[in-house]
PDB file of N, CA and C in Angstrom:
ATOM      1  N   UNK A   1     115.859 122.364 118.046  1.00  0.00           N
ATOM      2  CA  UNK A   1     115.083 122.684 116.865  1.00  0.00           C
ATOM      3  C   UNK A   1     115.166 124.175 116.538  1.00  0.00           C
ATOM      4  N   UNK A   2     115.414 124.982 117.517  1.00  0.00           N
ATOM      5  CA  UNK A   2     115.505 126.415 117.250  1.00  0.00           C
ATOM      6  C   UNK A   2     116.765 126.773 116.455  1.00  0.00           C
ATOM      7  N   UNK A   3     117.716 125.853 116.333  1.00  0.00           N
ATOM      8  CA  UNK A   3     118.958 126.113 115.605  1.00  0.00           C
ATOM      9  C   UNK A   3     118.942 125.551 114.181  1.00  0.00           C
ATOM     10  N   UNK A   4     117.825 124.988 113.764  1.00  0.00           N
ATOM     11  CA  UNK A   4     117.730 124.435 112.412  1.00  0.00           C
ATOM     12  C   UNK A   4     118.033 125.531 111.403  1.00  0.00           C
ATOM     13  N   UNK A   5     118.852 125.243 110.422  1.00  0.00           N
ATOM     14  CA  UNK A   5     119.276 126.151 109.348  1.00  0.00           C
ATOM     15  C   UNK A   5     120.229 127.242 109.825  1.00  0.00           C
ATOM     16  N   UNK A   6     120.742 127.140 111.034  1.00  0.00           N
ATOM     17  CA  UNK A   6     121.697 128.120 111.533  1.00  0.00           C
ATOM     18  C   UNK A   6     123.067 127.485 111.688  1.00  0.00           C
ATOM     19  N   UNK A   7     124.090 128.323 111.680  1.00  0.00           N
ATOM     20  CA  UNK A   7     125.463 127.849 111.854  1.00  0.00           C
ATOM     21  C   UNK A   7     125.613 127.190 113.219  1.00  0.00           C
ATOM     22  N   UNK A   8     126.305 126.071 113.249  1.00  0.00           N
ATOM     23  CA  UNK A   8     126.539 125.367 114.509  1.00  0.00           C
ATOM     24  C   UNK A   8     127.659 126.057 115.285  1.00  0.00           C
ATOM     25  N   UNK A   9     127.444 126.319 116.565  1.00  0.00           N
ATOM     26  CA  UNK A   9     128.501 126.943 117.358  1.00  0.00           C
ATOM     27  C   UNK A   9     129.557 125.942 117.842  1.00  0.00           C
ATOM     28  N   UNK A  10     129.361 124.665 117.578  1.00  0.00           N
ATOM     29  CA  UNK A  10     130.261 123.626 118.065  1.00  0.00           C
ATOM     30  C   UNK A  10     131.241 123.213 116.972  1.00  0.00           C
ATOM     31  N   UNK A  11     132.519 123.381 117.230  1.00  0.00           N
ATOM     32  CA  UNK A  11     133.533 123.115 116.208  1.00  0.00           C
ATOM     33  C   UNK A  11     133.695 121.623 115.912  1.00  0.00           C
ATOM     34  N   UNK A  12     133.189 120.746 116.775  1.00  0.00           N
ATOM     35  CA  UNK A  12     133.316 119.313 116.502  1.00  0.00           C
ATOM     36  C   UNK A  12     132.189 118.777 115.626  1.00  0.00           C
ATOM     37  N   UNK A  13     131.265 119.645 115.202  1.00  0.00           N
ATOM     38  CA  UNK A  13     130.200 119.280 114.268  1.00  0.00           C
ATOM     39  C   UNK A  13     130.397 120.062 112.974  1.00  0.00           C
ATOM     40  N   UNK A  14     129.643 119.689 111.940  1.00  0.00           N
ATOM     41  CA  UNK A  14     129.655 120.482 110.717  1.00  0.00           C
ATOM     42  C   UNK A  14     129.105 121.854 111.071  1.00  0.00           C
ATOM     43  N   UNK A  15     129.887 122.894 110.854  1.00  0.00           N
ATOM     44  CA  UNK A  15     129.515 124.211 111.357  1.00  0.00           C
ATOM     45  C   UNK A  15     128.644 125.040 110.422  1.00  0.00           C
ATOM     46  N   UNK A  16     128.821 124.891 109.123  1.00  0.00           N
ATOM     47  CA  UNK A  16     128.183 125.793 108.180  1.00  0.00           C
ATOM     48  C   UNK A  16     126.678 125.636 108.064  1.00  0.00           C
ATOM     49  N   UNK A  17     126.021 126.732 107.704  1.00  0.00           N
ATOM     50  CA  UNK A  17     124.562 126.714 107.474  1.00  0.00           C
ATOM     51  C   UNK A  17     124.205 125.825 106.297  1.00  0.00           C
ATOM     52  N   UNK A  18     125.081 125.793 105.297  1.00  0.00           N
ATOM     53  CA  UNK A  18     124.807 125.011 104.094  1.00  0.00           C
ATOM     54  C   UNK A  18     124.658 123.526 104.407  1.00  0.00           C
ATOM     55  N   UNK A  19     125.252 123.074 105.483  1.00  0.00           N
ATOM     56  CA  UNK A  19     125.154 121.672 105.865  1.00  0.00           C
ATOM     57  C   UNK A  19     123.699 121.240 106.038  1.00  0.00           C
ATOM     58  N   UNK A  20     122.855 122.130 106.528  1.00  0.00           N
ATOM     59  CA  UNK A  20     121.442 121.798 106.727  1.00  0.00           C
ATOM     60  C   UNK A  20     120.729 121.555 105.407  1.00  0.00           C
ATOM     61  N   UNK A  21     121.132 122.264 104.371  1.00  0.00           N
ATOM     62  CA  UNK A  21     120.390 122.221 103.110  1.00  0.00           C
ATOM     63  C   UNK A  21     121.083 121.380 102.042  1.00  0.00           C
ATOM     64  N   UNK A  22     121.938 120.474 102.467  1.00  0.00           N
ATOM     65  CA  UNK A  22     122.600 119.558 101.548  1.00  0.00           C
ATOM     66  C   UNK A  22     122.113 118.149 101.849  1.00  0.00           C
ATOM     67  N   UNK A  23     121.566 117.497 100.852  1.00  0.00           N
ATOM     68  CA  UNK A  23     121.148 116.109 101.043  1.00  0.00           C
ATOM     69  C   UNK A  23     122.360 115.216 100.905  1.00  0.00           C
ATOM     70  N   UNK A  24     122.533 114.314 101.852  1.00  0.00           N
ATOM     71  CA  UNK A  24     123.711 113.449 101.857  1.00  0.00           C
ATOM     72  C   UNK A  24     123.306 112.010 102.120  1.00  0.00           C
ATOM     73  N   UNK A  25     123.998 111.133 101.446  1.00  0.00           N
ATOM     74  CA  UNK A  25     123.848 109.710 101.720  1.00  0.00           C
ATOM     75  C   UNK A  25     125.231 109.135 101.953  1.00  0.00           C
ATOM     76  N   UNK A  26     125.442 108.358 102.967  1.00  0.00           N
ATOM     77  CA  UNK A  26     124.478 107.912 103.982  1.00  0.00           C
ATOM     78  C   UNK A  26     124.133 109.026 104.963  1.00  0.00           C
ATOM     79  N   UNK A  27     123.033 108.852 105.650  1.00  0.00           N
ATOM     80  CA  UNK A  27     122.523 109.918 106.513  1.00  0.00           C
ATOM     81  C   UNK A  27     123.392 110.156 107.745  1.00  0.00           C
ATOM     82  N   UNK A  28     124.344 109.272 108.026  1.00  0.00           N
ATOM     83  CA  UNK A  28     125.219 109.522 109.166  1.00  0.00           C
ATOM     84  C   UNK A  28     126.242 110.623 108.865  1.00  0.00           C
ATOM     85  N   UNK A  29     126.184 111.184 107.667  1.00  0.00           N
ATOM     86  CA  UNK A  29     127.067 112.289 107.291  1.00  0.00           C
ATOM     87  C   UNK A  29     126.467 113.627 107.710  1.00  0.00           C
ATOM     88  N   UNK A  30     125.408 113.628 108.447  1.00  0.00           N
ATOM     89  CA  UNK A  30     124.768 114.824 109.019  1.00  0.00           C
ATOM     90  C   UNK A  30     124.216 115.758 107.948  1.00  0.00           C
ATOM     91  N   UNK A  31     122.948 116.025 108.025  1.00  0.00           N
ATOM     92  CA  UNK A  31     122.285 116.934 107.110  1.00  0.00           C
ATOM     93  C   UNK A  31     120.917 117.274 107.685  1.00  0.00           C
ATOM     94  N   UNK A  32     120.207 118.141 106.994  1.00  0.00           N
ATOM     95  CA  UNK A  32     118.857 118.476 107.420  1.00  0.00           C
ATOM     96  C   UNK A  32     117.936 117.273 107.397  1.00  0.00           C
ATOM     97  N   UNK A  33     118.096 116.417 106.393  1.00  0.00           N
ATOM     98  CA  UNK A  33     117.276 115.208 106.321  1.00  0.00           C
ATOM     99  C   UNK A  33     117.557 114.299 107.507  1.00  0.00           C
ATOM    100  N   UNK A  34     118.833 114.133 107.864  1.00  0.00           N
ATOM    101  CA  UNK A  34     119.180 113.290 109.019  1.00  0.00           C
ATOM    102  C   UNK A  34     118.554 113.850 110.292  1.00  0.00           C
ATOM    103  N   UNK A  35     118.588 115.155 110.451  1.00  0.00           N
ATOM    104  CA  UNK A  35     117.986 115.775 111.632  1.00  0.00           C
ATOM    105  C   UNK A  35     116.473 115.570 111.642  1.00  0.00           C
ATOM    106  N   UNK A  36     115.835 115.726 110.479  1.00  0.00           N
ATOM    107  CA  UNK A  36     114.390 115.522 110.408  1.00  0.00           C
ATOM    108  C   UNK A  36     114.005 114.075 110.673  1.00  0.00           C
ATOM    109  N   UNK A  37     114.831 113.143 110.215  1.00  0.00           N
ATOM    110  CA  UNK A  37     114.566 111.730 110.503  1.00  0.00           C
ATOM    111  C   UNK A  37     114.533 111.499 112.010  1.00  0.00           C
ATOM    112  N   UNK A  38     115.483 112.052 112.720  1.00  0.00           N
ATOM    113  CA  UNK A  38     115.541 111.883 114.172  1.00  0.00           C
ATOM    114  C   UNK A  38     114.372 112.579 114.853  1.00  0.00           C
ATOM    115  N   UNK A  39     114.090 113.809 114.451  1.00  0.00           N
ATOM    116  CA  UNK A  39     113.003 114.560 115.086  1.00  0.00           C
ATOM    117  C   UNK A  39     111.653 113.884 114.897  1.00  0.00           C
ATOM    118  N   UNK A  40     111.409 113.349 113.694  1.00  0.00           N
ATOM    119  CA  UNK A  40     110.126 112.679 113.479  1.00  0.00           C
ATOM    120  C   UNK A  40     110.063 111.357 114.233  1.00  0.00           C
ATOM    121  N   UNK A  41     111.204 110.686 114.401  1.00  0.00           N
ATOM    122  CA  UNK A  41     111.227 109.464 115.212  1.00  0.00           C
ATOM    123  C   UNK A  41     110.947 109.784 116.678  1.00  0.00           C
ATOM    124  N   UNK A  42     111.263 111.006 117.087  1.00  0.00           N
ATOM    125  CA  UNK A  42     110.974 111.443 118.454  1.00  0.00           C
ATOM    126  C   UNK A  42     109.523 111.896 118.609  1.00  0.00           C
ATOM    127  N   UNK A  43     108.755 111.860 117.509  1.00  0.00           N
ATOM    128  CA  UNK A  43     107.341 112.204 117.574  1.00  0.00           C
ATOM    129  C   UNK A  43     107.005 113.633 117.219  1.00  0.00           C
ATOM    130  N   UNK A  44     107.966 114.403 116.728  1.00  0.00           N
ATOM    131  CA  UNK A  44     107.687 115.783 116.329  1.00  0.00           C
ATOM    132  C   UNK A  44     106.881 115.767 115.046  1.00  0.00           C
ATOM    133  N   UNK A  45     105.823 116.573 115.011  1.00  0.00           N
ATOM    134  CA  UNK A  45     104.948 116.582 113.857  1.00  0.00           C
ATOM    135  C   UNK A  45     104.352 117.950 113.597  1.00  0.00           C
ATOM    136  N   UNK A  46     103.219 117.999 112.914  1.00  0.00           N
ATOM    137  CA  UNK A  46     102.604 119.262 112.529  1.00  0.00           C
ATOM    138  C   UNK A  46     102.175 120.132 113.716  1.00  0.00           C
ATOM    139  N   UNK A  47     102.041 119.523 114.883  1.00  0.00           N
ATOM    140  CA  UNK A  47     101.634 120.303 116.048  1.00  0.00           C
ATOM    141  C   UNK A  47     102.762 121.178 116.586  1.00  0.00           C
ATOM    142  N   UNK A  48     103.979 120.998 116.109  1.00  0.00           N
ATOM    143  CA  UNK A  48     105.113 121.823 116.522  1.00  0.00           C
ATOM    144  C   UNK A  48     105.441 122.794 115.391  1.00  0.00           C
ATOM    145  N   UNK A  49     105.184 124.094 115.571  1.00  0.00           N
ATOM    146  CA  UNK A  49     105.402 125.062 114.484  1.00  0.00           C
ATOM    147  C   UNK A  49     106.858 125.184 114.041  1.00  0.00           C
ATOM    148  N   UNK A  50     107.805 124.745 114.855  1.00  0.00           N
ATOM    149  CA  UNK A  50     109.212 124.813 114.473  1.00  0.00           C
ATOM    150  C   UNK A  50     109.544 123.813 113.375  1.00  0.00           C
ATOM    151  N   UNK A  51     108.680 122.845 113.149  1.00  0.00           N
ATOM    152  CA  UNK A  51     108.913 121.837 112.110  1.00  0.00           C
ATOM    153  C   UNK A  51     108.451 122.311 110.730  1.00  0.00           C
ATOM    154  N   UNK A  52     107.667 123.358 110.672  1.00  0.00           N
ATOM    155  CA  UNK A  52     107.077 123.802 109.407  1.00  0.00           C
ATOM    156  C   UNK A  52     108.130 124.160 108.359  1.00  0.00           C
ATOM    157  N   UNK A  53     109.068 125.003 108.691  1.00  0.00           N
ATOM    158  CA  UNK A  53     110.082 125.439 107.721  1.00  0.00           C
ATOM    159  C   UNK A  53     110.960 124.281 107.243  1.00  0.00           C
ATOM    160  N   UNK A  54     111.479 123.431 108.144  1.00  0.00           N
ATOM    161  CA  UNK A  54     112.287 122.307 107.665  1.00  0.00           C
ATOM    162  C   UNK A  54     111.513 121.320 106.781  1.00  0.00           C
ATOM    163  N   UNK A  55     110.251 121.074 107.094  1.00  0.00           N
ATOM    164  CA  UNK A  55     109.447 120.156 106.272  1.00  0.00           C
ATOM    165  C   UNK A  55     109.189 120.769 104.899  1.00  0.00           C
ATOM    166  N   UNK A  56     108.889 122.054 104.863  1.00  0.00           N
ATOM    167  CA  UNK A  56     108.699 122.710 103.560  1.00  0.00           C
ATOM    168  C   UNK A  56     109.981 122.663 102.737  1.00  0.00           C
ATOM    169  N   UNK A  57     111.130 122.831 103.406  1.00  0.00           N
ATOM    170  CA  UNK A  57     112.413 122.728 102.708  1.00  0.00           C
ATOM    171  C   UNK A  57     112.568 121.336 102.109  1.00  0.00           C
ATOM    172  N   UNK A  58     112.269 120.292 102.895  1.00  0.00           N
ATOM    173  CA  UNK A  58     112.428 118.919 102.425  1.00  0.00           C
ATOM    174  C   UNK A  58     111.549 118.655 101.204  1.00  0.00           C
ATOM    175  N   UNK A  59     110.320 119.079 101.250  1.00  0.00           N
ATOM    176  CA  UNK A  59     109.406 118.878 100.118  1.00  0.00           C
ATOM    177  C   UNK A  59     109.916 119.616  98.880  1.00  0.00           C
ATOM    178  N   UNK A  60     110.460 120.810  99.065  1.00  0.00           N
ATOM    179  CA  UNK A  60     110.960 121.606  97.940  1.00  0.00           C
ATOM    180  C   UNK A  60     112.203 120.988  97.292  1.00  0.00           C
ATOM    181  N   UNK A  61     112.886 120.103  97.977  1.00  0.00           N
ATOM    182  CA  UNK A  61     114.094 119.485  97.445  1.00  0.00           C
ATOM    183  C   UNK A  61     113.820 118.343  96.476  1.00  0.00           C
ATOM    184  N   UNK A  62     112.572 117.938  96.373  1.00  0.00           N
ATOM    185  CA  UNK A  62     112.229 116.828  95.476  1.00  0.00           C
ATOM    186  C   UNK A  62     112.350 117.285  94.024  1.00  0.00           C
ATOM    187  N   UNK A  63     112.965 116.468  93.211  1.00  0.00           N
ATOM    188  CA  UNK A  63     113.135 116.770  91.790  1.00  0.00           C
ATOM    189  C   UNK A  63     111.860 116.461  91.008  1.00  0.00           C
ATOM    190  N   UNK A  64     111.825 116.912  89.767  1.00  0.00           N
ATOM    191  CA  UNK A  64     110.659 116.707  88.902  1.00  0.00           C
ATOM    192  C   UNK A  64     110.309 115.235  88.736  1.00  0.00           C
ATOM    193  N   UNK A  65     111.329 114.377  88.795  1.00  0.00           N
ATOM    194  CA  UNK A  65     111.071 112.951  88.611  1.00  0.00           C
ATOM    195  C   UNK A  65     110.536 112.293  89.884  1.00  0.00           C
ATOM    196  N   UNK A  66     110.396 113.058  90.952  1.00  0.00           N
ATOM    197  CA  UNK A  66     109.826 112.539  92.189  1.00  0.00           C
ATOM    198  C   UNK A  66     110.851 112.029  93.184  1.00  0.00           C
ATOM    199  N   UNK A  67     112.140 112.039  92.795  1.00  0.00           N
ATOM    200  CA  UNK A  67     113.189 111.544  93.680  1.00  0.00           C
ATOM    201  C   UNK A  67     113.912 112.703  94.369  1.00  0.00           C
ATOM    202  N   UNK A  68     114.464 112.405  95.518  1.00  0.00           N
ATOM    203  CA  UNK A  68     115.391 113.318  96.174  1.00  0.00           C
ATOM    204  C   UNK A  68     116.776 112.859  95.757  1.00  0.00           C
ATOM    205  N   UNK A  69     117.677 113.791  95.484  1.00  0.00           N
ATOM    206  CA  UNK A  69     118.995 113.419  94.992  1.00  0.00           C
ATOM    207  C   UNK A  69     120.089 114.230  95.673  1.00  0.00           C
ATOM    208  N   UNK A  70     121.264 113.658  95.713  1.00  0.00           N
ATOM    209  CA  UNK A  70     122.408 114.263  96.382  1.00  0.00           C
ATOM    210  C   UNK A  70     123.078 115.342  95.535  1.00  0.00           C
ATOM    211  N   UNK A  71     122.959 115.244  94.226  1.00  0.00           N
ATOM    212  CA  UNK A  71     123.618 116.204  93.341  1.00  0.00           C
ATOM    213  C   UNK A  71     122.886 116.259  92.003  1.00  0.00           C
ATOM    214  N   UNK A  72     123.398 117.099  91.117  1.00  0.00           N
ATOM    215  CA  UNK A  72     122.825 117.202  89.772  1.00  0.00           C
ATOM    216  C   UNK A  72     123.170 115.999  88.905  1.00  0.00           C
ATOM    217  N   UNK A  73     124.084 115.175  89.382  1.00  0.00           N
ATOM    218  CA  UNK A  73     124.465 113.958  88.659  1.00  0.00           C
ATOM    219  C   UNK A  73     123.834 112.778  89.374  1.00  0.00           C
ATOM    220  N   UNK A  74     122.713 112.318  88.890  1.00  0.00           N
ATOM    221  CA  UNK A  74     121.978 111.246  89.580  1.00  0.00           C
ATOM    222  C   UNK A  74     122.812 109.992  89.809  1.00  0.00           C
ATOM    223  N   UNK A  75     122.590 109.396  90.938  1.00  0.00           N
ATOM    224  CA  UNK A  75     123.191 108.120  91.297  1.00  0.00           C
ATOM    225  C   UNK A  75     122.029 107.261  91.793  1.00  0.00           C
ATOM    226  N   UNK A  76     121.641 106.289  91.017  1.00  0.00           N
ATOM    227  CA  UNK A  76     120.403 105.558  91.281  1.00  0.00           C
ATOM    228  C   UNK A  76     120.327 104.962  92.682  1.00  0.00           C
ATOM    229  N   UNK A  77     121.381 104.348  93.148  1.00  0.00           N
ATOM    230  CA  UNK A  77     121.317 103.721  94.471  1.00  0.00           C
ATOM    231  C   UNK A  77     121.196 104.772  95.580  1.00  0.00           C
ATOM    232  N   UNK A  78     122.057 105.775  95.557  1.00  0.00           N
ATOM    233  CA  UNK A  78     122.000 106.822  96.583  1.00  0.00           C
ATOM    234  C   UNK A  78     120.664 107.557  96.554  1.00  0.00           C
ATOM    235  N   UNK A  79     120.215 107.900  95.348  1.00  0.00           N
ATOM    236  CA  UNK A  79     118.956 108.639  95.219  1.00  0.00           C
ATOM    237  C   UNK A  79     117.779 107.834  95.750  1.00  0.00           C
ATOM    238  N   UNK A  80     117.786 106.527  95.527  1.00  0.00           N
ATOM    239  CA  UNK A  80     116.696 105.700  96.048  1.00  0.00           C
ATOM    240  C   UNK A  80     116.703 105.689  97.568  1.00  0.00           C
ATOM    241  N   UNK A  81     117.873 105.618  98.188  1.00  0.00           N
ATOM    242  CA  UNK A  81     117.951 105.628  99.649  1.00  0.00           C
ATOM    243  C   UNK A  81     117.569 106.991 100.213  1.00  0.00           C
ATOM    244  N   UNK A  82     118.017 108.073  99.559  1.00  0.00           N
ATOM    245  CA  UNK A  82     117.613 109.408 100.001  1.00  0.00           C
ATOM    246  C   UNK A  82     116.103 109.580  99.888  1.00  0.00           C
ATOM    247  N   UNK A  83     115.544 109.118  98.794  1.00  0.00           N
ATOM    248  CA  UNK A  83     114.104 109.223  98.583  1.00  0.00           C
ATOM    249  C   UNK A  83     113.339 108.420  99.629  1.00  0.00           C
ATOM    250  N   UNK A  84     113.803 107.217  99.911  1.00  0.00           N
ATOM    251  CA  UNK A  84     113.162 106.412 100.948  1.00  0.00           C
ATOM    252  C   UNK A  84     113.212 107.135 102.291  1.00  0.00           C
ATOM    253  N   UNK A  85     114.363 107.693 102.642  1.00  0.00           N
ATOM    254  CA  UNK A  85     114.484 108.428 103.897  1.00  0.00           C
ATOM    255  C   UNK A  85     113.554 109.628 103.950  1.00  0.00           C
ATOM    256  N   UNK A  86     113.460 110.360 102.852  1.00  0.00           N
ATOM    257  CA  UNK A  86     112.579 111.532 102.806  1.00  0.00           C
ATOM    258  C   UNK A  86     111.110 111.121 102.931  1.00  0.00           C
ATOM    259  N   UNK A  87     110.709 110.091 102.206  1.00  0.00           N
ATOM    260  CA  UNK A  87     109.315 109.643 102.268  1.00  0.00           C
ATOM    261  C   UNK A  87     108.952 109.093 103.644  1.00  0.00           C
ATOM    262  N   UNK A  88     109.858 108.328 104.253  1.00  0.00           N
ATOM    263  CA  UNK A  88     109.590 107.822 105.604  1.00  0.00           C
ATOM    264  C   UNK A  88     109.485 108.972 106.602  1.00  0.00           C
ATOM    265  N   UNK A  89     110.332 109.973 106.450  1.00  0.00           N
ATOM    266  CA  UNK A  89     110.299 111.134 107.335  1.00  0.00           C
ATOM    267  C   UNK A  89     108.982 111.879 107.192  1.00  0.00           C
ATOM    268  N   UNK A  90     108.565 112.122 105.955  1.00  0.00           N
ATOM    269  CA  UNK A  90     107.292 112.816 105.737  1.00  0.00           C
ATOM    270  C   UNK A  90     106.112 112.005 106.260  1.00  0.00           C
ATOM    271  N   UNK A  91     106.173 110.706 106.098  1.00  0.00           N
ATOM    272  CA  UNK A  91     105.099 109.838 106.604  1.00  0.00           C
ATOM    273  C   UNK A  91     105.016 109.915 108.137  1.00  0.00           C
ATOM    274  N   UNK A  92     106.158 109.825 108.805  1.00  0.00           N
ATOM    275  CA  UNK A  92     106.173 109.938 110.273  1.00  0.00           C
ATOM    276  C   UNK A  92     105.668 111.302 110.711  1.00  0.00           C
ATOM    277  N   UNK A  93     106.082 112.339 110.013  1.00  0.00           N
ATOM    278  CA  UNK A  93     105.654 113.702 110.329  1.00  0.00           C
ATOM    279  C   UNK A  93     104.126 113.825 110.255  1.00  0.00           C
ATOM    280  N   UNK A  94     103.566 113.307 109.176  1.00  0.00           N
ATOM    281  CA  UNK A  94     102.110 113.412 108.978  1.00  0.00           C
ATOM    282  C   UNK A  94     101.312 112.527 109.913  1.00  0.00           C
ATOM    283  N   UNK A  95     101.909 111.461 110.411  1.00  0.00           N
ATOM    284  CA  UNK A  95     101.184 110.525 111.272  1.00  0.00           C
ATOM    285  C   UNK A  95     101.478 110.698 112.759  1.00  0.00           C
ATOM    286  N   UNK A  96     102.205 111.756 113.109  1.00  0.00           N
ATOM    287  CA  UNK A  96     102.516 111.938 114.536  1.00  0.00           C
ATOM    288  C   UNK A  96     101.468 112.786 115.230  1.00  0.00           C
TER     289      UNK A  96
END
């Protein structure tokens, strides 16, 4: 968790910092949302201060229409799955 939003030192993973702040569907393409999904499934919540910045980032990524989206060109199916993943992650975070 201390490496969230930082460049990955491992060449076999997505290395760039931008990878953390790009929403991607499907979530197996690695992103900040995918990492948050795993962390919240592990029980990480508001009691861990390292989760504060990533959760604030996730909330800030929501568009005016209430959906999370992969790009400026909406794709209804992908956006619905991203939104579901984001909402489930936030729900787990708040209930842990």
